Amino acid sequence: MSYRVLLVDDEPLARERLKRLLLEHDDFDCAGEAANGDAALSWLALHQADLVLLDIQMPGMSGLETAAEIIKRDNAPAIVFCTAYDEHALQAFGVKAIDYLLKPIRKEDFSRALQRAVEWLGTRPQQNEEASAGVRTHLSARTHNGLQLIPLDDVLYFYADQKYVSVRHTGGETLIDDALKQLEDEFDGRFVRVHRSALVARDRIERLVAQQGGGHKVYLRGLEEGVAVSRRHLAEVKRVMKGM
């Protein structure tokens, strides 16, 4: 299967660079090009794309404004921003971009973005429904290295320690500003309460194990250690696992 890609950038050299990067990936074809947002929307009115590689700062309609229009479409494509500026990252994920690449784009970052696109496209109906509903696809955190964006698909579990909430994800562990109850309500059903201080990703649950000293732990795909399950939430965890 070949994925159709639309390149949107007002700089011809930038589009040529993207085309060269795409040539290294047999599953992706450059189906069209546009030099601005209006041209991109006109192209999409006549053709189907699976992925849009989109600059942000362009004459006329910005990339963010263009993306906001694209995600309103039925069967909307995945969007990856390719830009020289990092200050728009939070806004980019507000319009449901699946990745945000800074120019000059490194080959390994580009390959990672394409892999995310493939995964996203595998669940496109669900993703488009979530986009229409305004559900976040990424979490954001301010760290000593600057802004960190964590794809929701990479989250293993959330853990609250007094007033702080940490997210354990495939890339490590990060403190976030969100409250545990807020996360549970926002991502209704996607995460399972296993303890008053912990939520785990439902689709990563693998097994529930009784501990020798009493109690239970739930084990997740991608995580070696288990997460403690309280007696109060044990029945719910078993019910969730029975339905998986």
Protein backbone atom coordinates (compact mmCIF):
# COMPACT_ATOMS: atom_id res chain seq x y z
CA MET A 1 0.00 0.00 0.00
CA SER A 2 1.21 3.50 -0.86
CA TYR A 3 0.28 6.55 1.23
CA ARG A 4 -0.48 9.76 -0.64
CA VAL A 5 1.31 12.85 0.69
CA LEU A 6 0.55 16.52 0.07
CA LEU A 7 3.47 18.93 0.59
CA VAL A 8 2.54 22.46 1.66
CA ASP A 9 5.32 25.06 1.90
CA ASP A 10 5.79 28.45 0.28
CA GLU A 11 9.51 27.71 -0.30
CA PRO A 12 10.20 25.50 -3.36
CA LEU A 13 13.53 24.36 -1.90
CA ALA A 14 11.79 23.17 1.26
CA ARG A 15 9.34 21.12 -0.81
CA GLU A 16 12.23 19.62 -2.78
CA ARG A 17 13.93 18.62 0.49
CA LEU A 18 10.75 16.90 1.64
CA LYS A 19 10.43 15.08 -1.68
CA ARG A 20 14.00 13.78 -1.34
CA LEU A 21 13.24 12.52 2.16
CA LEU A 22 10.07 10.82 0.92
CA LEU A 23 12.03 8.98 -1.80
CA GLU A 24 13.72 6.97 0.94
CA HIS A 25 10.34 5.56 2.01
CA ASP A 26 8.72 3.25 -0.54
CA ASP A 27 5.32 3.32 1.17
CA PHE A 28 4.89 7.08 0.68
CA ASP A 29 4.37 9.01 -2.57
CA CYS A 30 4.28 12.74 -3.16
CA ALA A 31 0.77 13.12 -4.61
CA GLY A 32 0.70 16.92 -4.76
CA GLU A 33 2.27 20.23 -3.77
CA ALA A 34 0.91 23.58 -2.66
CA ALA A 35 2.65 26.87 -1.92
CA ASN A 36 0.06 28.18 0.55
CA GLY A 37 -2.97 27.22 2.61
CA ASP A 38 -5.59 28.24 0.06
CA ALA A 39 -3.89 26.14 -2.62
CA ALA A 40 -3.69 23.19 -0.22
CA LEU A 41 -7.42 23.33 0.54
CA SER A 42 -8.23 23.62 -3.15
CA TRP A 43 -6.09 20.57 -3.89
CA LEU A 44 -7.77 18.57 -1.10
CA ALA A 45 -11.20 19.49 -2.50
CA LEU A 46 -10.29 17.50 -5.63
CA HIS A 47 -7.92 14.82 -4.36
CA GLN A 48 -7.47 12.51 -1.39
CA ALA A 49 -4.36 12.64 0.79
CA ASP A 50 -3.32 10.36 3.65
CA LEU A 51 -0.72 12.74 5.05
CA VAL A 52 -0.11 16.50 4.82
CA LEU A 53 3.38 17.86 5.51
CA LEU A 54 2.60 21.46 6.41
CA ASP A 55 4.68 24.58 7.00
CA ILE A 56 3.32 27.07 9.56
CA GLN A 57 4.48 30.52 8.45
CA MET A 58 3.24 31.10 4.92
CA PRO A 59 1.78 34.11 3.06
CA GLY A 60 -1.97 34.45 3.56
CA MET A 61 -3.50 31.59 5.51
CA SER A 62 -1.06 30.19 8.08
CA GLY A 63 -0.36 26.51 8.48
CA LEU A 64 -2.30 26.46 11.75
CA GLU A 65 -5.35 28.01 10.07
CA THR A 66 -5.01 25.56 7.20
CA ALA A 67 -4.83 22.59 9.57
CA ALA A 68 -7.93 23.81 11.41
CA GLU A 69 -9.81 23.63 8.10
CA ILE A 70 -8.33 20.28 7.07
CA ILE A 71 -9.43 18.47 10.24
CA LYS A 72 -13.05 19.48 9.57
CA ARG A 73 -13.07 17.30 6.45
CA ASP A 74 -14.50 13.79 6.33
CA ASN A 75 -11.73 11.20 6.38
CA ALA A 76 -9.20 13.93 7.17
CA PRO A 77 -5.51 13.14 6.57
CA ALA A 78 -2.79 12.99 9.19
CA ILE A 79 -0.96 16.31 9.65
CA VAL A 80 2.74 16.79 10.40
CA PHE A 81 4.07 20.31 10.76
CA CYS A 82 7.48 21.06 9.26
CA THR A 83 8.68 24.46 10.46
CA ALA A 84 11.70 26.48 11.50
CA TYR A 85 9.96 27.77 14.65
CA ASP A 86 9.21 25.88 17.86
CA GLU A 87 6.96 28.46 19.54
CA HIS A 88 3.88 27.11 17.76
CA ALA A 89 4.16 23.54 19.11
CA LEU A 90 1.27 23.72 21.58
CA GLN A 91 -1.00 25.34 19.00
CA ALA A 92 0.00 22.67 16.48
CA PHE A 93 -1.25 19.87 18.66
CA GLY A 94 -4.35 21.91 19.33
CA VAL A 95 -5.26 21.30 15.68
CA LYS A 96 -4.49 17.58 16.07
CA ALA A 97 -1.10 17.38 14.36
CA ILE A 98 0.52 14.00 14.95
CA ASP A 99 4.07 15.40 14.92
CA TYR A 100 6.03 18.64 14.78
CA LEU A 101 9.36 18.64 12.93
CA LEU A 102 11.86 21.47 13.18
CA LYS A 103 13.85 22.51 10.12
CA PRO A 104 16.41 21.45 9.13
CA ILE A 105 14.61 18.12 9.38
CA ARG A 106 16.72 15.16 10.42
CA LYS A 107 16.19 11.87 8.61
CA GLU A 108 15.54 9.95 11.83
CA ASP A 109 12.90 12.46 12.95
CA PHE A 110 11.25 12.32 9.54
CA SER A 111 11.16 8.51 9.63
CA ARG A 112 9.63 8.58 13.11
CA ALA A 113 6.93 10.99 11.95
CA LEU A 114 6.05 8.74 9.00
CA GLN A 115 5.78 5.75 11.32
CA ARG A 116 3.41 7.71 13.55
CA ALA A 117 1.40 8.59 10.46
CA VAL A 118 1.08 4.90 9.55
CA GLU A 119 -0.11 4.08 13.08
CA TRP A 120 -2.54 7.01 13.06
CA LEU A 121 -3.95 6.08 9.67
CA GLY A 122 -4.57 2.55 10.94
CA THR A 123 -7.18 4.03 13.29
CA ARG A 124 -8.23 7.03 11.17
CA PRO A 125 -12.01 6.83 11.81
CA GLN A 126 -11.43 6.83 15.58
CA GLN A 127 -8.81 9.59 15.34
CA ASN A 128 -11.07 11.81 13.24
CA GLU A 129 -13.92 11.28 15.68
CA GLU A 130 -11.66 12.32 18.56
CA ALA A 131 -10.40 15.33 16.61
CA SER A 132 -13.97 16.48 16.00
CA ALA A 133 -14.68 16.07 19.70
CA GLY A 134 -11.62 18.14 20.64
CA VAL A 135 -9.80 15.32 22.46
CA ARG A 136 -6.08 15.90 22.96
CA THR A 137 -3.66 13.60 21.18
CA HIS A 138 -0.61 14.84 23.13
CA LEU A 139 0.25 15.95 26.65
CA SER A 140 2.56 18.91 27.22
CA ALA A 141 5.07 19.50 30.01
CA ARG A 142 7.52 22.26 30.83
CA THR A 143 10.92 20.73 31.62
CA HIS A 144 14.40 22.16 32.12
CA ASN A 145 15.01 21.33 28.44
CA GLY A 146 11.97 23.33 27.34
CA LEU A 147 8.58 22.16 26.14
CA GLN A 148 8.09 18.38 25.99
CA LEU A 149 5.22 16.90 23.99
CA ILE A 150 4.16 13.36 24.83
CA PRO A 151 1.92 11.43 22.41
CA LEU A 152 -1.04 9.96 24.25
CA ASP A 153 -0.39 6.65 22.50
CA ASP A 154 2.99 6.48 24.31
CA VAL A 155 1.49 6.79 27.80
CA LEU A 156 1.76 3.72 30.08
CA TYR A 157 0.27 5.14 33.27
CA PHE A 158 -0.26 8.25 35.39
CA TYR A 159 0.72 8.39 39.04
CA ALA A 160 -0.13 11.02 41.65
CA ASP A 161 2.19 11.73 44.58
CA GLN A 162 0.55 14.30 46.82
CA LYS A 163 0.05 17.38 44.61
CA TYR A 164 2.28 16.18 41.76
CA VAL A 165 1.24 13.96 38.83
CA SER A 166 3.78 12.05 36.77
CA VAL A 167 3.25 10.32 33.45
CA ARG A 168 5.23 7.17 32.71
CA HIS A 169 5.61 6.81 28.96
CA THR A 170 7.72 4.91 26.47
CA GLY A 171 10.32 7.69 26.56
CA GLY A 172 10.66 7.87 30.35
CA GLU A 173 8.86 9.72 33.13
CA THR A 174 7.69 13.35 33.19
CA LEU A 175 5.92 15.64 35.64
CA ILE A 176 2.77 17.23 34.21
CA ASP A 177 0.36 19.92 35.38
CA ASP A 178 -2.84 17.91 34.84
CA ALA A 179 -4.76 16.50 37.80
CA LEU A 180 -5.48 12.76 37.86
CA LYS A 181 -9.26 13.26 37.98
CA GLN A 182 -9.08 15.69 35.07
CA LEU A 183 -7.19 13.14 32.99
CA GLU A 184 -9.66 10.38 33.90
CA ASP A 185 -12.61 12.54 32.87
CA GLU A 186 -11.05 13.90 29.67
CA PHE A 187 -9.92 10.54 28.32
CA ASP A 188 -13.00 8.67 29.49
CA GLY A 189 -12.47 4.93 29.10
CA ARG A 190 -8.97 5.16 27.68
CA PHE A 191 -7.35 4.89 31.11
CA VAL A 192 -8.40 2.63 33.98
CA ARG A 193 -8.27 3.64 37.65
CA VAL A 194 -6.32 0.91 39.47
CA HIS A 195 -5.59 2.88 42.64
CA ARG A 196 -6.66 6.24 44.02
CA SER A 197 -3.24 7.47 42.89
CA ALA A 198 -2.88 5.68 39.53
CA LEU A 199 -4.45 5.38 36.07
CA VAL A 200 -3.15 2.85 33.54
CA ALA A 201 -3.59 2.72 29.77
CA ARG A 202 -6.41 0.28 29.05
CA ASP A 203 -4.97 -0.99 25.76
CA ARG A 204 -1.60 -1.78 27.40
CA ILE A 205 -2.96 -4.05 30.15
CA GLU A 206 -1.51 -7.56 29.80
CA ARG A 207 -2.10 -9.43 33.06
CA LEU A 208 -3.17 -9.15 36.69
CA VAL A 209 -0.98 -10.94 39.22
CA ALA A 210 -1.71 -11.71 42.89
CA GLN A 211 1.30 -10.88 45.09
CA GLN A 212 2.71 -13.31 47.66
CA GLY A 213 2.42 -10.81 50.48
CA GLY A 214 -1.14 -9.91 49.50
CA GLY A 215 -2.57 -7.46 47.03
CA HIS A 216 -2.39 -7.41 43.24
CA LYS A 217 -0.37 -5.75 40.51
CA VAL A 218 -1.31 -5.10 36.91
CA TYR A 219 1.39 -5.54 34.25
CA LEU A 220 1.47 -3.42 31.12
CA ARG A 221 2.90 -3.97 27.66
CA GLY A 222 6.17 -2.04 27.46
CA LEU A 223 6.75 -1.91 31.21
CA GLU A 224 8.70 -4.45 33.24
CA GLU A 225 7.45 -3.58 36.72
CA GLY A 226 3.83 -3.89 37.78
CA VAL A 227 1.48 -1.16 39.03
CA ALA A 228 -0.24 -1.75 42.37
CA VAL A 229 -4.01 -2.35 42.28
CA SER A 230 -5.98 -1.38 45.38
CA ARG A 231 -8.64 -3.66 46.84
CA ARG A 232 -11.26 -1.00 46.11
CA HIS A 233 -10.48 -1.00 42.37
CA LEU A 234 -9.71 -4.70 41.91
CA ALA A 235 -13.20 -5.67 40.71
CA GLU A 236 -13.21 -2.92 38.10
CA VAL A 237 -9.80 -3.98 36.77
CA LYS A 238 -11.01 -7.58 36.49
CA ARG A 239 -14.16 -6.41 34.70
CA VAL A 240 -12.10 -4.40 32.20
CA MET A 241 -9.76 -7.31 31.53
CA LYS A 242 -12.67 -9.71 31.04
CA GLY A 243 -14.00 -7.45 28.29
CA MET A 244 -10.68 -7.16 26.46
